[in-house]
Amino acid sequence: MKEAPEAASTIVRADQYMFQTYGRFPITLVKGDGCRLWDDTGKEYLDFVAGIAVCSLGHSSPVVCRALEEQAGKLVHVSNLYYTEPQTDLAQLLVENSFADRVFFCNSGAEANEAAIKLARKYSMEKFGPDRHVIISMQNSFHGRTMATLSATGQEKIRTGYDPLLQGFRFVPFNDMEALRASMGNDICAVMLEPIQGEGGVHPTDKKFMEDLRNICNEKNIILILDEIQTGFGRTGNMFAYKNYNIYPDILVVAKSLGGGMPIGAIISTEKISASFGPGTHGSTFGGNAASCAAGLEVIDYLIKNKLPEKSMKLGKYFFKKLMQIKKKYTVVKEIRGAGLMIGMEFTEPIAEKLVKKALDDKLIINKVSSNTLRFLPPLIITKNNINILVKWLDVNIKEI
C-alpha cells in the first residue's frame, strides 16, 4: 500500500498561502505560559518581546483565560447598537484611572490613532472652522499602517510607495521645542506624539519638552494627542506614561496590552472634546466586543491590585543598571535608554539582527527596531532571574562579536 505524502509544515503552507508582509523567523510557536514559549519541536524560549508589548501578564495568563472562558459562555459579540456590561465596565475603569471622561473602543492601535485624528479634526473644525486642520507629528514617529496613520508617521521607509498620502500633517524633529514653535501656524489643530518612540528606536520624550508642549497647547487651544499604544498600562512605571511627565493629554490613544492578548484599542478623552463624536460620526463593528472587554477588565484590575506598574519600574531600573554595566565593558554599546520595562540598547555597529538570530538559537526571544538597536518589551511579570539570564547572554555574545 502506498504511503500518504507527508503533510507540509506550517511554515511551508504559510509561505504558500499567506501574503508575504512579514519577515518571519523560521519557528512555529504553539504554546505559551508566563514568560515562556514553546515551538512545535518542543523547544522552550524565554520571551522578552511579549507579542510586541501586548502580553503584559504573560502568555496564556490564567487571568485572561478565565475572563474569556466565562464571557464566551455568555456573550462574545452583538453590536454597538446595544449596551453590554463588559464594555461599560471597562470604559468606567479606564475613566476612573485616567484624566478623562469618555472612551471609544476599536480593535487595534492603528484604528485608535485613526479615531484620534478624526476626533481632533472634527472638534477643531466645529470650534475654529475648516482652515485649522493640520496635525504636527514627530520625525521618527510611528502611529500605524492605515492611510491616515501612515500619513502621520514620521519615517520615510514606512511611508514610501503609498502616495498620495493623506494631507494635513507637518513633521518636526523629536524633542526640538524651537522647531515645534516655528511650525505652530494658525492652521494647527493638534500635536501628536509618543511619550517614548517605540518603533523609532525607544527614544523617550524630554520632560521639559513635554511640559512646554502642554503649556503651548493650552495657550493656543491645540489638542494634544498622546499615542500610548506601547507605553500604556504599566509598562513605564505608571498606569500611563503621561503621568511620568506630570501632564495630561486631551486625547489618549491605547491598545496592545489593554486586552492581555485580545485585540482591542481605545481613545480616551474629555467630555468637551468627545462631544464632537455624536451618533453616526464614527463607529466600529467589532470595537468593544464583549470578549475583548472582559479580558481588558481583568487585565487592568490585576495590574492595579498587584501593583504591576510600580513593580515594572523597579524591575526596569534593575534591568537598566545591568545593561549599563555591559555598556561600560564594550565600546560597541552606544546607549541604553527607555523607562520601566521598555528599554532600547543601541550599538555603534549594525549587529542587532545578528544578535536576534543568535538569541533565537539560544532559546531567547528578543527584538530589533533597526540594524543597530535592540528593544526589550518583556511581560510585566518578568523576574530578576529572567533578566539575569538575558544579561549574561548579552555579555557573552556582545563580547564575541
Foldseek 3Di string as FASTA:
>chain_A
DDDDDDDDDPVVVCVVPDDPPDPDDPFAWDDWDFQWTATPVGFIFGEQQLVPQFQQRTTPRPLLVVLLVVLVVPFFFDFVVDDDDLLVLLQVVVVVQAVADGKWKAFAQLVLVVVVLLLLQLLCCVVPNNQQRAEEEEALAARDLDLQRLVRYNDCVSNPPDPPGDDRYHYDHAQDQVRVVVVDDPNHAEYEYECFRALSFGRGHDLVSVVVVLVVCVVNVHFYEYECQNPACQQQLGNHCVVVSVHHGQKYKYFRHLQSPGGMIMIGHYPSSCVSDDPPNDGYGCTSTNSSSSSSSSSNVCCVVVVLSNLLQVVQVVLQVLVVVLCVVDVQFDDWDHGRQWIKTFGPDQCVVVVQVVSVVVRYHWAASGSGMTIGNGRSPDDPVSSVVVSVVCSVVVVVD
